[in-house]
């Protein structure tokens, strides 16, 4: 069996079978969402939102935000194509590119969508290839240049496993209790230099890690 044929089979599965399977999976979970008011307040002000979470936490975050008109940055690699096919079935639009391929073009496209159409975007700031839990500066720069707030998302679960991947992908087991927590909006000032952008990146790292710990505490409230 050729590599191209195997890839076609994988993409077919992603396009046809992923949605019903993931929908059943989500229905088995007991999901509690905390601090949703931060999102609603931004929406009432007519602001575009930059949602972000660590790459390892993307599964629950994306399922919870399905069919909400969110646009997602997805890499141009084959695994990115798989993710793009699945996201499409859940009502997402994608922007293709990453820090290693098509990054500048993707950045300009995201900026246009936010400035002209006020779309919300979702990021994994340490994706698509890592290093794990280290934010790249694209989301910080985009927030600075568009004025859109960043809303970090933390995730935790009672029963889970982790894959042996670069991001230690967080797999919440079926029928588990889990929590998703929003952080208050982060507004990045315009006109920052490179060092100032890096400082906001370091702050975002700290916030994301603390937010996951807060999500763990929320499991017992």
C-alpha atoms as a PDB file:
ATOM      1  CA  UNK A   1       0.000   0.000   0.000  1.00  0.00           C
ATOM      2  CA  UNK A   2       1.510   3.326  -1.060  1.00  0.00           C
ATOM      3  CA  UNK A   3       2.015   6.252   1.295  1.00  0.00           C
ATOM      4  CA  UNK A   4      -0.368   8.396  -0.778  1.00  0.00           C
ATOM      5  CA  UNK A   5      -3.125   5.782  -0.528  1.00  0.00           C
ATOM      6  CA  UNK A   6      -2.655   5.461   3.242  1.00  0.00           C
ATOM      7  CA  UNK A   7      -2.938   9.226   3.576  1.00  0.00           C
ATOM      8  CA  UNK A   8      -6.185   9.235   1.570  1.00  0.00           C
ATOM      9  CA  UNK A   9      -7.647   6.624   3.928  1.00  0.00           C
ATOM     10  CA  UNK A  10      -6.611   8.648   6.972  1.00  0.00           C
ATOM     11  CA  UNK A  11      -8.144  11.842   5.549  1.00  0.00           C
ATOM     12  CA  UNK A  12     -11.370   9.970   4.704  1.00  0.00           C
ATOM     13  CA  UNK A  13     -11.629   8.743   8.286  1.00  0.00           C
ATOM     14  CA  UNK A  14     -10.948  12.266   9.565  1.00  0.00           C
ATOM     15  CA  UNK A  15     -13.647  13.730   7.314  1.00  0.00           C
ATOM     16  CA  UNK A  16     -16.373  11.122   7.872  1.00  0.00           C
ATOM     17  CA  UNK A  17     -15.877   9.219  11.105  1.00  0.00           C
ATOM     18  CA  UNK A  18     -14.168  11.697  13.435  1.00  0.00           C
ATOM     19  CA  UNK A  19     -17.233  13.861  14.112  1.00  0.00           C
ATOM     20  CA  UNK A  20     -19.665  11.132  15.239  1.00  0.00           C
ATOM     21  CA  UNK A  21     -16.974   9.460  17.327  1.00  0.00           C
ATOM     22  CA  UNK A  22     -15.847  12.688  18.981  1.00  0.00           C
ATOM     23  CA  UNK A  23     -19.467  13.770  19.529  1.00  0.00           C
ATOM     24  CA  UNK A  24     -20.137  10.517  21.404  1.00  0.00           C
ATOM     25  CA  UNK A  25     -16.913  11.011  23.323  1.00  0.00           C
ATOM     26  CA  UNK A  26     -17.863  14.556  24.356  1.00  0.00           C
ATOM     27  CA  UNK A  27     -21.339  13.379  25.421  1.00  0.00           C
ATOM     28  CA  UNK A  28     -19.695  10.904  27.810  1.00  0.00           C
ATOM     29  CA  UNK A  29     -17.788  13.666  29.602  1.00  0.00           C
ATOM     30  CA  UNK A  30     -19.058  15.764  32.473  1.00  0.00           C
ATOM     31  CA  UNK A  31     -17.699  19.179  31.493  1.00  0.00           C
ATOM     32  CA  UNK A  32     -17.819  22.188  33.798  1.00  0.00           C
ATOM     33  CA  UNK A  33     -16.980  25.585  32.306  1.00  0.00           C
ATOM     34  CA  UNK A  34     -15.795  28.359  34.621  1.00  0.00           C
ATOM     35  CA  UNK A  35     -15.547  32.160  34.136  1.00  0.00           C
ATOM     36  CA  UNK A  36     -17.491  32.142  30.891  1.00  0.00           C
ATOM     37  CA  UNK A  37     -18.470  35.728  31.699  1.00  0.00           C
ATOM     38  CA  UNK A  38     -15.053  36.930  30.497  1.00  0.00           C
ATOM     39  CA  UNK A  39     -15.928  35.705  26.997  1.00  0.00           C
ATOM     40  CA  UNK A  40     -19.440  37.136  27.070  1.00  0.00           C
ATOM     41  CA  UNK A  41     -18.185  40.563  28.136  1.00  0.00           C
ATOM     42  CA  UNK A  42     -15.763  40.702  25.190  1.00  0.00           C
ATOM     43  CA  UNK A  43     -18.535  39.619  22.827  1.00  0.00           C
ATOM     44  CA  UNK A  44     -20.851  42.328  24.136  1.00  0.00           C
ATOM     45  CA  UNK A  45     -18.134  44.889  23.387  1.00  0.00           C
ATOM     46  CA  UNK A  46     -17.854  43.550  19.836  1.00  0.00           C
ATOM     47  CA  UNK A  47     -14.242  42.470  20.277  1.00  0.00           C
ATOM     48  CA  UNK A  48     -12.519  39.717  18.385  1.00  0.00           C
ATOM     49  CA  UNK A  49     -11.100  37.150  20.803  1.00  0.00           C
ATOM     50  CA  UNK A  50      -7.795  35.318  20.628  1.00  0.00           C
ATOM     51  CA  UNK A  51      -8.427  32.056  22.467  1.00  0.00           C
ATOM     52  CA  UNK A  52      -5.301  30.118  23.354  1.00  0.00           C
ATOM     53  CA  UNK A  53      -4.275  27.012  25.251  1.00  0.00           C
ATOM     54  CA  UNK A  54      -1.292  24.703  25.329  1.00  0.00           C
ATOM     55  CA  UNK A  55      -1.087  22.316  22.379  1.00  0.00           C
ATOM     56  CA  UNK A  56      -1.574  19.353  24.710  1.00  0.00           C
ATOM     57  CA  UNK A  57      -4.969  20.699  25.847  1.00  0.00           C
ATOM     58  CA  UNK A  58      -6.446  21.391  22.431  1.00  0.00           C
ATOM     59  CA  UNK A  59      -8.913  18.475  22.199  1.00  0.00           C
ATOM     60  CA  UNK A  60     -11.386  19.542  24.886  1.00  0.00           C
ATOM     61  CA  UNK A  61     -10.893  23.237  24.113  1.00  0.00           C
ATOM     62  CA  UNK A  62     -11.807  22.719  20.453  1.00  0.00           C
ATOM     63  CA  UNK A  63     -14.796  20.488  21.209  1.00  0.00           C
ATOM     64  CA  UNK A  64     -16.239  23.026  23.663  1.00  0.00           C
ATOM     65  CA  UNK A  65     -15.945  25.855  21.096  1.00  0.00           C
ATOM     66  CA  UNK A  66     -17.415  23.929  18.153  1.00  0.00           C
ATOM     67  CA  UNK A  67     -19.820  25.746  15.803  1.00  0.00           C
ATOM     68  CA  UNK A  68     -19.035  29.171  17.270  1.00  0.00           C
ATOM     69  CA  UNK A  69     -17.439  30.636  14.141  1.00  0.00           C
ATOM     70  CA  UNK A  70     -13.900  30.403  15.490  1.00  0.00           C
ATOM     71  CA  UNK A  71     -10.963  30.371  13.069  1.00  0.00           C
ATOM     72  CA  UNK A  72      -7.963  28.180  13.880  1.00  0.00           C
ATOM     73  CA  UNK A  73      -4.303  28.333  12.872  1.00  0.00           C
ATOM     74  CA  UNK A  74      -3.301  24.881  11.567  1.00  0.00           C
ATOM     75  CA  UNK A  75       0.073  23.797  10.235  1.00  0.00           C
ATOM     76  CA  UNK A  76       0.644  22.912   6.570  1.00  0.00           C
ATOM     77  CA  UNK A  77       2.049  19.483   7.446  1.00  0.00           C
ATOM     78  CA  UNK A  78       0.021  16.318   6.814  1.00  0.00           C
ATOM     79  CA  UNK A  79      -0.999  16.058  10.469  1.00  0.00           C
ATOM     80  CA  UNK A  80      -2.269  19.626  10.114  1.00  0.00           C
ATOM     81  CA  UNK A  81      -4.408  18.503   7.168  1.00  0.00           C
ATOM     82  CA  UNK A  82      -5.943  15.792   9.352  1.00  0.00           C
ATOM     83  CA  UNK A  83      -6.755  18.349  12.040  1.00  0.00           C
ATOM     84  CA  UNK A  84      -8.163  20.766   9.434  1.00  0.00           C
ATOM     85  CA  UNK A  85     -10.523  18.083   8.079  1.00  0.00           C
ATOM     86  CA  UNK A  86     -11.801  17.287  11.563  1.00  0.00           C
ATOM     87  CA  UNK A  87     -12.181  20.959  12.505  1.00  0.00           C
ATOM     88  CA  UNK A  88     -14.244  21.632   9.396  1.00  0.00           C
ATOM     89  CA  UNK A  89     -16.837  19.056  10.496  1.00  0.00           C
ATOM     90  CA  UNK A  90     -17.175  20.964  13.784  1.00  0.00           C
ATOM     91  CA  UNK A  91     -17.798  24.322  12.146  1.00  0.00           C
ATOM     92  CA  UNK A  92     -14.298  25.771  12.297  1.00  0.00           C
ATOM     93  CA  UNK A  93     -12.519  27.718   9.572  1.00  0.00           C
ATOM     94  CA  UNK A  94      -8.781  27.286   9.280  1.00  0.00           C
ATOM     95  CA  UNK A  95      -5.751  29.394   8.423  1.00  0.00           C
ATOM     96  CA  UNK A  96      -2.879  27.238   7.192  1.00  0.00           C
ATOM     97  CA  UNK A  97       0.656  28.032   8.278  1.00  0.00           C
ATOM     98  CA  UNK A  98       3.119  27.757  11.153  1.00  0.00           C
ATOM     99  CA  UNK A  99       6.389  29.138  12.438  1.00  0.00           C
ATOM    100  CA  UNK A 100       8.250  26.792  10.067  1.00  0.00           C
ATOM    101  CA  UNK A 101       6.148  26.966   6.890  1.00  0.00           C
ATOM    102  CA  UNK A 102       3.883  29.703   5.514  1.00  0.00           C
ATOM    103  CA  UNK A 103       4.006  31.607   8.766  1.00  0.00           C
ATOM    104  CA  UNK A 104       4.079  35.199   7.514  1.00  0.00           C
ATOM    105  CA  UNK A 105       1.315  34.647   4.975  1.00  0.00           C
ATOM    106  CA  UNK A 106      -0.830  32.990   7.648  1.00  0.00           C
ATOM    107  CA  UNK A 107      -0.153  35.853  10.051  1.00  0.00           C
ATOM    108  CA  UNK A 108      -1.304  38.459   7.529  1.00  0.00           C
ATOM    109  CA  UNK A 109      -4.425  36.406   6.775  1.00  0.00           C
ATOM    110  CA  UNK A 110      -5.323  36.164  10.460  1.00  0.00           C
ATOM    111  CA  UNK A 111      -4.767  39.860  10.940  1.00  0.00           C
ATOM    112  CA  UNK A 112      -7.042  40.631   7.977  1.00  0.00           C
ATOM    113  CA  UNK A 113      -9.807  38.365   9.252  1.00  0.00           C
ATOM    114  CA  UNK A 114      -9.716  40.044  12.634  1.00  0.00           C
ATOM    115  CA  UNK A 115      -9.503  43.637  11.429  1.00  0.00           C
ATOM    116  CA  UNK A 116     -12.052  43.389   8.611  1.00  0.00           C
ATOM    117  CA  UNK A 117     -14.489  40.732   9.828  1.00  0.00           C
ATOM    118  CA  UNK A 118     -14.012  40.592  13.605  1.00  0.00           C
ATOM    119  CA  UNK A 119     -13.567  36.826  13.620  1.00  0.00           C
ATOM    120  CA  UNK A 120     -12.397  35.030  16.755  1.00  0.00           C
ATOM    121  CA  UNK A 121      -9.205  32.989  16.436  1.00  0.00           C
ATOM    122  CA  UNK A 122      -7.796  30.040  18.377  1.00  0.00           C
ATOM    123  CA  UNK A 123      -4.097  29.354  18.930  1.00  0.00           C
ATOM    124  CA  UNK A 124      -1.834  26.802  20.521  1.00  0.00           C
ATOM    125  CA  UNK A 125       1.129  29.118  21.174  1.00  0.00           C
ATOM    126  CA  UNK A 126       3.621  26.257  21.585  1.00  0.00           C
ATOM    127  CA  UNK A 127       2.475  24.446  18.416  1.00  0.00           C
ATOM    128  CA  UNK A 128       2.788  22.865  16.012  1.00  0.00           C
ATOM    129  CA  UNK A 129       6.132  21.293  16.939  1.00  0.00           C
ATOM    130  CA  UNK A 130       7.148  22.767  20.278  1.00  0.00           C
ATOM    131  CA  UNK A 131       9.080  23.237  22.411  1.00  0.00           C
ATOM    132  CA  UNK A 132       6.379  22.196  24.866  1.00  0.00           C
ATOM    133  CA  UNK A 133       4.804  24.949  26.955  1.00  0.00           C
ATOM    134  CA  UNK A 134       6.902  27.735  25.457  1.00  0.00           C
ATOM    135  CA  UNK A 135       4.853  30.451  23.763  1.00  0.00           C
ATOM    136  CA  UNK A 136       5.945  31.739  20.384  1.00  0.00           C
ATOM    137  CA  UNK A 137       5.390  35.437  19.806  1.00  0.00           C
ATOM    138  CA  UNK A 138       2.870  35.324  16.959  1.00  0.00           C
ATOM    139  CA  UNK A 139      -0.188  35.552  19.193  1.00  0.00           C
ATOM    140  CA  UNK A 140       1.397  38.352  21.257  1.00  0.00           C
ATOM    141  CA  UNK A 141       2.223  40.358  18.146  1.00  0.00           C
ATOM    142  CA  UNK A 142      -1.262  39.781  16.707  1.00  0.00           C
ATOM    143  CA  UNK A 143      -2.906  40.974  19.915  1.00  0.00           C
ATOM    144  CA  UNK A 144      -0.654  44.032  19.954  1.00  0.00           C
ATOM    145  CA  UNK A 145      -1.367  44.972  16.341  1.00  0.00           C
ATOM    146  CA  UNK A 146      -5.133  44.317  16.349  1.00  0.00           C
ATOM    147  CA  UNK A 147      -6.071  45.347  19.887  1.00  0.00           C
ATOM    148  CA  UNK A 148      -7.897  42.027  20.355  1.00  0.00           C
ATOM    149  CA  UNK A 149      -7.767  40.491  23.840  1.00  0.00           C
ATOM    150  CA  UNK A 150      -6.108  37.143  24.501  1.00  0.00           C
ATOM    151  CA  UNK A 151      -8.230  34.782  26.601  1.00  0.00           C
ATOM    152  CA  UNK A 152      -6.180  31.818  27.864  1.00  0.00           C
ATOM    153  CA  UNK A 153      -7.983  28.520  28.479  1.00  0.00           C
ATOM    154  CA  UNK A 154      -7.007  25.994  31.156  1.00  0.00           C
ATOM    155  CA  UNK A 155      -8.057  22.334  31.157  1.00  0.00           C
ATOM    156  CA  UNK A 156      -8.054  19.532  33.728  1.00  0.00           C
ATOM    157  CA  UNK A 157      -9.677  16.118  34.131  1.00  0.00           C
ATOM    158  CA  UNK A 158     -10.246  13.514  36.790  1.00  0.00           C
ATOM    159  CA  UNK A 159      -9.276  10.569  34.556  1.00  0.00           C
ATOM    160  CA  UNK A 160      -6.744  10.995  31.773  1.00  0.00           C
ATOM    161  CA  UNK A 161      -3.677   9.666  30.038  1.00  0.00           C
ATOM    162  CA  UNK A 162      -0.837  11.316  28.152  1.00  0.00           C
ATOM    163  CA  UNK A 163       0.638  10.294  24.834  1.00  0.00           C
ATOM    164  CA  UNK A 164       4.370   9.891  24.380  1.00  0.00           C
ATOM    165  CA  UNK A 165       4.483  12.852  21.973  1.00  0.00           C
ATOM    166  CA  UNK A 166       6.466  16.077  22.076  1.00  0.00           C
ATOM    167  CA  UNK A 167       3.529  17.866  23.739  1.00  0.00           C
ATOM    168  CA  UNK A 168       2.502  14.951  26.009  1.00  0.00           C
ATOM    169  CA  UNK A 169      -0.990  15.213  24.516  1.00  0.00           C
ATOM    170  CA  UNK A 170      -3.652  15.267  27.249  1.00  0.00           C
ATOM    171  CA  UNK A 171      -6.261  12.588  26.570  1.00  0.00           C
ATOM    172  CA  UNK A 172      -9.300  12.813  28.823  1.00  0.00           C
ATOM    173  CA  UNK A 173     -10.769   9.366  29.305  1.00  0.00           C
ATOM    174  CA  UNK A 174     -14.459   8.765  28.501  1.00  0.00           C
ATOM    175  CA  UNK A 175     -16.947   9.306  31.350  1.00  0.00           C
ATOM    176  CA  UNK A 176     -14.509  11.541  33.200  1.00  0.00           C
ATOM    177  CA  UNK A 177     -15.268  14.751  35.036  1.00  0.00           C
ATOM    178  CA  UNK A 178     -13.335  17.643  33.524  1.00  0.00           C
ATOM    179  CA  UNK A 179     -13.095  21.406  33.763  1.00  0.00           C
ATOM    180  CA  UNK A 180     -12.372  24.245  31.389  1.00  0.00           C
ATOM    181  CA  UNK A 181     -11.428  27.626  32.865  1.00  0.00           C
ATOM    182  CA  UNK A 182     -11.129  30.999  31.134  1.00  0.00           C
ATOM    183  CA  UNK A 183      -8.657  33.654  32.214  1.00  0.00           C
ATOM    184  CA  UNK A 184      -9.590  37.315  32.200  1.00  0.00           C
ATOM    185  CA  UNK A 185      -8.800  39.088  28.893  1.00  0.00           C
ATOM    186  CA  UNK A 186      -5.180  40.098  28.355  1.00  0.00           C
ATOM    187  CA  UNK A 187      -4.710  43.302  26.350  1.00  0.00           C
ATOM    188  CA  UNK A 188      -1.284  43.762  24.788  1.00  0.00           C
ATOM    189  CA  UNK A 189      -0.289  47.407  24.133  1.00  0.00           C
ATOM    190  CA  UNK A 190       0.497  48.536  20.607  1.00  0.00           C
ATOM    191  CA  UNK A 191       3.986  49.461  19.446  1.00  0.00           C
ATOM    192  CA  UNK A 192       5.988  47.014  21.555  1.00  0.00           C
ATOM    193  CA  UNK A 193       9.571  46.176  20.657  1.00  0.00           C
ATOM    194  CA  UNK A 194      10.902  42.626  20.431  1.00  0.00           C
ATOM    195  CA  UNK A 195      12.048  42.457  24.054  1.00  0.00           C
ATOM    196  CA  UNK A 196       8.683  43.709  25.288  1.00  0.00           C
ATOM    197  CA  UNK A 197       6.886  41.104  23.167  1.00  0.00           C
ATOM    198  CA  UNK A 198       9.118  38.415  24.684  1.00  0.00           C
ATOM    199  CA  UNK A 199       8.225  39.618  28.170  1.00  0.00           C
ATOM    200  CA  UNK A 200       4.513  39.255  27.393  1.00  0.00           C
ATOM    201  CA  UNK A 201       5.302  35.771  26.063  1.00  0.00           C
ATOM    202  CA  UNK A 202       6.909  34.844  29.386  1.00  0.00           C
ATOM    203  CA  UNK A 203       3.877  36.182  31.245  1.00  0.00           C
ATOM    204  CA  UNK A 204       1.596  34.104  29.016  1.00  0.00           C
ATOM    205  CA  UNK A 205       3.608  30.970  29.843  1.00  0.00           C
ATOM    206  CA  UNK A 206       3.117  31.590  33.556  1.00  0.00           C
ATOM    207  CA  UNK A 207      -0.589  32.318  33.168  1.00  0.00           C
ATOM    208  CA  UNK A 208      -1.225  29.165  31.127  1.00  0.00           C
ATOM    209  CA  UNK A 209       0.539  26.948  33.652  1.00  0.00           C
ATOM    210  CA  UNK A 210      -1.277  28.541  36.590  1.00  0.00           C
ATOM    211  CA  UNK A 211      -4.606  28.246  34.786  1.00  0.00           C
ATOM    212  CA  UNK A 212      -4.224  24.486  34.364  1.00  0.00           C
ATOM    213  CA  UNK A 213      -3.630  24.241  38.117  1.00  0.00           C
ATOM    214  CA  UNK A 214      -6.756  26.329  38.743  1.00  0.00           C
ATOM    215  CA  UNK A 215      -8.704  23.995  36.465  1.00  0.00           C
ATOM    216  CA  UNK A 216      -7.550  21.071  38.616  1.00  0.00           C
ATOM    217  CA  UNK A 217      -8.863  22.803  41.731  1.00  0.00           C
ATOM    218  CA  UNK A 218     -12.192  23.457  39.991  1.00  0.00           C
ATOM    219  CA  UNK A 219     -12.719  19.706  39.648  1.00  0.00           C
ATOM    220  CA  UNK A 220     -13.413  19.597  43.391  1.00  0.00           C
ATOM    221  CA  UNK A 221     -15.718  22.620  43.691  1.00  0.00           C
END
